[in-house]
Amino acid sequence: MTIETRITQLLGDVSLTALVGTRAGPVNAGESPALPYLFWQRVSSEPTETHAEPTTLEAIRVQFTAVASTYASACSIRRALRAVMESANSPIIYNNSTDIGRDDSVGGGAYAVSADFTFWHVDA
């Protein structure tokens, strides 16, 4: 399974779809998306090294950004995302979160918050 497939499966959790519907995807949400939405981007990929043999295990850092019409809604999406990641049956480590702020270029304004996670992953 690719990292993209793995993330897509996690974002399909009912606790997230209840908040953003199907508006969750990679890199950006397209032009003028309906609020709220969630997008993700790969920040870095680091291969692991061993002395014994080559490995395909990578530490992949991914940033998720929740965008909503209120700060409280954006934070609710981030909390649900963290709960999904922490309950996943796979090694995912929460790194940090950031309040990005308000973007008035989006109709009516929008608030954005982010959370970064490290996925230990082997593409199969």
C-alpha atoms as a PDB file:
ATOM      1  CA  MET A   1       0.000   0.000   0.000  1.00  0.00           C
ATOM      2  CA  THR A   2       1.319   3.454  -0.827  1.00  0.00           C
ATOM      3  CA  ILE A   3       1.461   6.256   1.742  1.00  0.00           C
ATOM      4  CA  GLU A   4      -1.152   8.126  -0.304  1.00  0.00           C
ATOM      5  CA  THR A   5      -3.565   5.184  -0.086  1.00  0.00           C
ATOM      6  CA  ARG A   6      -2.900   4.801   3.623  1.00  0.00           C
ATOM      7  CA  ILE A   7      -3.649   8.474   4.312  1.00  0.00           C
ATOM      8  CA  THR A   8      -6.787   8.376   2.145  1.00  0.00           C
ATOM      9  CA  GLN A   9      -8.073   5.408   4.148  1.00  0.00           C
ATOM     10  CA  LEU A  10      -7.433   7.196   7.444  1.00  0.00           C
ATOM     11  CA  LEU A  11      -9.179  10.356   6.219  1.00  0.00           C
ATOM     12  CA  GLY A  12     -12.230   8.231   5.383  1.00  0.00           C
ATOM     13  CA  ASP A  13     -12.878   7.666   9.097  1.00  0.00           C
ATOM     14  CA  VAL A  14     -16.453   8.548  10.023  1.00  0.00           C
ATOM     15  CA  SER A  15     -15.351  11.039  12.693  1.00  0.00           C
ATOM     16  CA  LEU A  16     -13.608  13.094  10.007  1.00  0.00           C
ATOM     17  CA  THR A  17     -16.181  12.685   7.237  1.00  0.00           C
ATOM     18  CA  ALA A  18     -18.819  13.896   9.711  1.00  0.00           C
ATOM     19  CA  LEU A  19     -16.886  17.178   9.886  1.00  0.00           C
ATOM     20  CA  VAL A  20     -15.555  17.688   6.331  1.00  0.00           C
ATOM     21  CA  GLY A  21     -17.551  15.273   4.190  1.00  0.00           C
ATOM     22  CA  THR A  22     -15.473  14.231   1.200  1.00  0.00           C
ATOM     23  CA  ARG A  23     -13.489  17.498   1.200  1.00  0.00           C
ATOM     24  CA  ALA A  24     -10.206  15.929   2.341  1.00  0.00           C
ATOM     25  CA  GLY A  25      -7.323  15.334  -0.008  1.00  0.00           C
ATOM     26  CA  PRO A  26      -3.725  15.943  -0.960  1.00  0.00           C
ATOM     27  CA  VAL A  27      -1.903  19.267  -1.313  1.00  0.00           C
ATOM     28  CA  ASN A  28      -4.851  21.588  -1.892  1.00  0.00           C
ATOM     29  CA  ALA A  29      -8.600  21.537  -2.056  1.00  0.00           C
ATOM     30  CA  GLY A  30      -8.912  23.080  -5.509  1.00  0.00           C
ATOM     31  CA  GLU A  31     -10.262  26.466  -6.375  1.00  0.00           C
ATOM     32  CA  SER A  32     -12.835  28.005  -3.997  1.00  0.00           C
ATOM     33  CA  PRO A  33     -13.628  24.867  -2.011  1.00  0.00           C
ATOM     34  CA  ALA A  34     -16.641  24.760   0.268  1.00  0.00           C
ATOM     35  CA  LEU A  35     -15.799  25.064   3.950  1.00  0.00           C
ATOM     36  CA  PRO A  36     -14.770  23.170   5.950  1.00  0.00           C
ATOM     37  CA  TYR A  37     -12.047  21.099   4.320  1.00  0.00           C
ATOM     38  CA  LEU A  38      -8.839  19.273   5.148  1.00  0.00           C
ATOM     39  CA  PHE A  39      -5.750  18.877   3.012  1.00  0.00           C
ATOM     40  CA  TRP A  40      -2.374  17.255   3.495  1.00  0.00           C
ATOM     41  CA  GLN A  41       1.114  17.496   2.078  1.00  0.00           C
ATOM     42  CA  ARG A  42       4.289  15.491   2.454  1.00  0.00           C
ATOM     43  CA  VAL A  43       6.867  17.623   4.249  1.00  0.00           C
ATOM     44  CA  SER A  44       9.764  15.178   4.141  1.00  0.00           C
ATOM     45  CA  SER A  45      10.725  11.556   3.602  1.00  0.00           C
ATOM     46  CA  GLU A  46      13.745  10.028   5.271  1.00  0.00           C
ATOM     47  CA  PRO A  47      14.894   6.497   4.498  1.00  0.00           C
ATOM     48  CA  THR A  48      16.056   4.484   7.465  1.00  0.00           C
ATOM     49  CA  GLU A  49      19.551   3.106   7.473  1.00  0.00           C
ATOM     50  CA  THR A  50      20.794  -0.168   8.890  1.00  0.00           C
ATOM     51  CA  HIS A  51      24.260  -1.686   9.056  1.00  0.00           C
ATOM     52  CA  ALA A  52      23.008  -5.129   8.107  1.00  0.00           C
ATOM     53  CA  GLU A  53      21.054  -4.609   4.895  1.00  0.00           C
ATOM     54  CA  PRO A  54      19.129  -2.090   2.799  1.00  0.00           C
ATOM     55  CA  THR A  55      15.645  -1.216   4.023  1.00  0.00           C
ATOM     56  CA  THR A  56      12.607   0.353   2.403  1.00  0.00           C
ATOM     57  CA  LEU A  57      11.246   1.743   5.685  1.00  0.00           C
ATOM     58  CA  GLU A  58      10.780   5.519   5.569  1.00  0.00           C
ATOM     59  CA  ALA A  59       9.922   8.147   8.142  1.00  0.00           C
ATOM     60  CA  ILE A  60       7.452  10.316   6.215  1.00  0.00           C
ATOM     61  CA  ARG A  61       6.426  13.605   7.806  1.00  0.00           C
ATOM     62  CA  VAL A  62       3.004  14.817   6.704  1.00  0.00           C
ATOM     63  CA  GLN A  63       1.306  18.113   7.518  1.00  0.00           C
ATOM     64  CA  PHE A  64      -2.495  18.244   7.618  1.00  0.00           C
ATOM     65  CA  THR A  65      -4.288  21.595   7.431  1.00  0.00           C
ATOM     66  CA  ALA A  66      -7.888  22.069   8.519  1.00  0.00           C
ATOM     67  CA  VAL A  67      -9.739  25.091   7.139  1.00  0.00           C
ATOM     68  CA  ALA A  68     -13.140  26.195   8.461  1.00  0.00           C
ATOM     69  CA  SER A  69     -15.338  29.250   8.856  1.00  0.00           C
ATOM     70  CA  THR A  70     -14.564  29.486  12.580  1.00  0.00           C
ATOM     71  CA  TYR A  71     -11.462  28.864  14.636  1.00  0.00           C
ATOM     72  CA  ALA A  72     -13.420  26.474  16.873  1.00  0.00           C
ATOM     73  CA  SER A  73     -14.493  24.375  13.863  1.00  0.00           C
ATOM     74  CA  ALA A  74     -10.947  24.194  12.508  1.00  0.00           C
ATOM     75  CA  CYS A  75      -9.712  23.064  15.942  1.00  0.00           C
ATOM     76  CA  SER A  76     -12.473  20.413  16.102  1.00  0.00           C
ATOM     77  CA  ILE A  77     -11.275  18.962  12.793  1.00  0.00           C
ATOM     78  CA  ARG A  78      -7.684  18.934  14.061  1.00  0.00           C
ATOM     79  CA  ARG A  79      -8.741  17.147  17.286  1.00  0.00           C
ATOM     80  CA  ALA A  80     -10.683  14.531  15.303  1.00  0.00           C
ATOM     81  CA  LEU A  81      -7.705  14.054  12.968  1.00  0.00           C
ATOM     82  CA  ARG A  82      -5.347  13.519  15.887  1.00  0.00           C
ATOM     83  CA  ALA A  83      -7.734  10.984  17.443  1.00  0.00           C
ATOM     84  CA  VAL A  84      -7.926   9.057  14.160  1.00  0.00           C
ATOM     85  CA  MET A  85      -4.144   9.011  13.758  1.00  0.00           C
ATOM     86  CA  GLU A  86      -3.523   7.994  17.358  1.00  0.00           C
ATOM     87  CA  SER A  87      -6.042   5.148  17.160  1.00  0.00           C
ATOM     88  CA  ALA A  88      -4.688   3.806  13.854  1.00  0.00           C
ATOM     89  CA  ASN A  89      -3.266   0.321  13.994  1.00  0.00           C
ATOM     90  CA  SER A  90       0.081   1.476  12.644  1.00  0.00           C
ATOM     91  CA  PRO A  91       3.080   3.529  13.770  1.00  0.00           C
ATOM     92  CA  ILE A  92       2.084   7.184  13.423  1.00  0.00           C
ATOM     93  CA  ILE A  93       3.671   9.777  15.681  1.00  0.00           C
ATOM     94  CA  TYR A  94       2.126  13.167  16.460  1.00  0.00           C
ATOM     95  CA  ASN A  95       4.795  15.879  16.090  1.00  0.00           C
ATOM     96  CA  ASN A  96       3.131  19.230  16.674  1.00  0.00           C
ATOM     97  CA  SER A  97       0.330  21.586  15.735  1.00  0.00           C
ATOM     98  CA  THR A  98       0.177  25.200  14.620  1.00  0.00           C
ATOM     99  CA  ASP A  99      -2.515  27.849  14.417  1.00  0.00           C
ATOM    100  CA  ILE A 100      -2.055  29.302  10.942  1.00  0.00           C
ATOM    101  CA  GLY A 101      -4.635  32.068  11.309  1.00  0.00           C
ATOM    102  CA  ARG A 102      -7.414  33.707   9.376  1.00  0.00           C
ATOM    103  CA  ASP A 103      -7.485  34.096   5.600  1.00  0.00           C
ATOM    104  CA  ASP A 104      -9.872  36.839   4.494  1.00  0.00           C
ATOM    105  CA  SER A 105      -9.305  36.032   0.819  1.00  0.00           C
ATOM    106  CA  VAL A 106     -11.692  33.097   1.256  1.00  0.00           C
ATOM    107  CA  GLY A 107     -15.302  34.260   1.033  1.00  0.00           C
ATOM    108  CA  GLY A 108     -16.347  35.370   4.511  1.00  0.00           C
ATOM    109  CA  GLY A 109     -12.924  34.528   5.906  1.00  0.00           C
ATOM    110  CA  ALA A 110     -11.595  31.166   7.004  1.00  0.00           C
ATOM    111  CA  TYR A 111      -9.449  29.901   9.837  1.00  0.00           C
ATOM    112  CA  ALA A 112      -6.668  27.382   9.329  1.00  0.00           C
ATOM    113  CA  VAL A 113      -4.846  25.136  11.785  1.00  0.00           C
ATOM    114  CA  SER A 114      -2.383  22.351  11.103  1.00  0.00           C
ATOM    115  CA  ALA A 115      -0.984  19.197  12.660  1.00  0.00           C
ATOM    116  CA  ASP A 116       2.144  17.283  11.679  1.00  0.00           C
ATOM    117  CA  PHE A 117       2.576  13.528  11.981  1.00  0.00           C
ATOM    118  CA  THR A 118       5.386  11.124  11.154  1.00  0.00           C
ATOM    119  CA  PHE A 119       4.334   7.912   9.424  1.00  0.00           C
ATOM    120  CA  TRP A 120       6.691   4.941   9.556  1.00  0.00           C
ATOM    121  CA  HIS A 121       5.918   3.374   6.225  1.00  0.00           C
ATOM    122  CA  VAL A 122       7.046   0.790   3.690  1.00  0.00           C
ATOM    123  CA  ASP A 123       5.451   1.060   0.236  1.00  0.00           C
ATOM    124  CA  ALA A 124       4.143  -2.340  -0.720  1.00  0.00           C
END
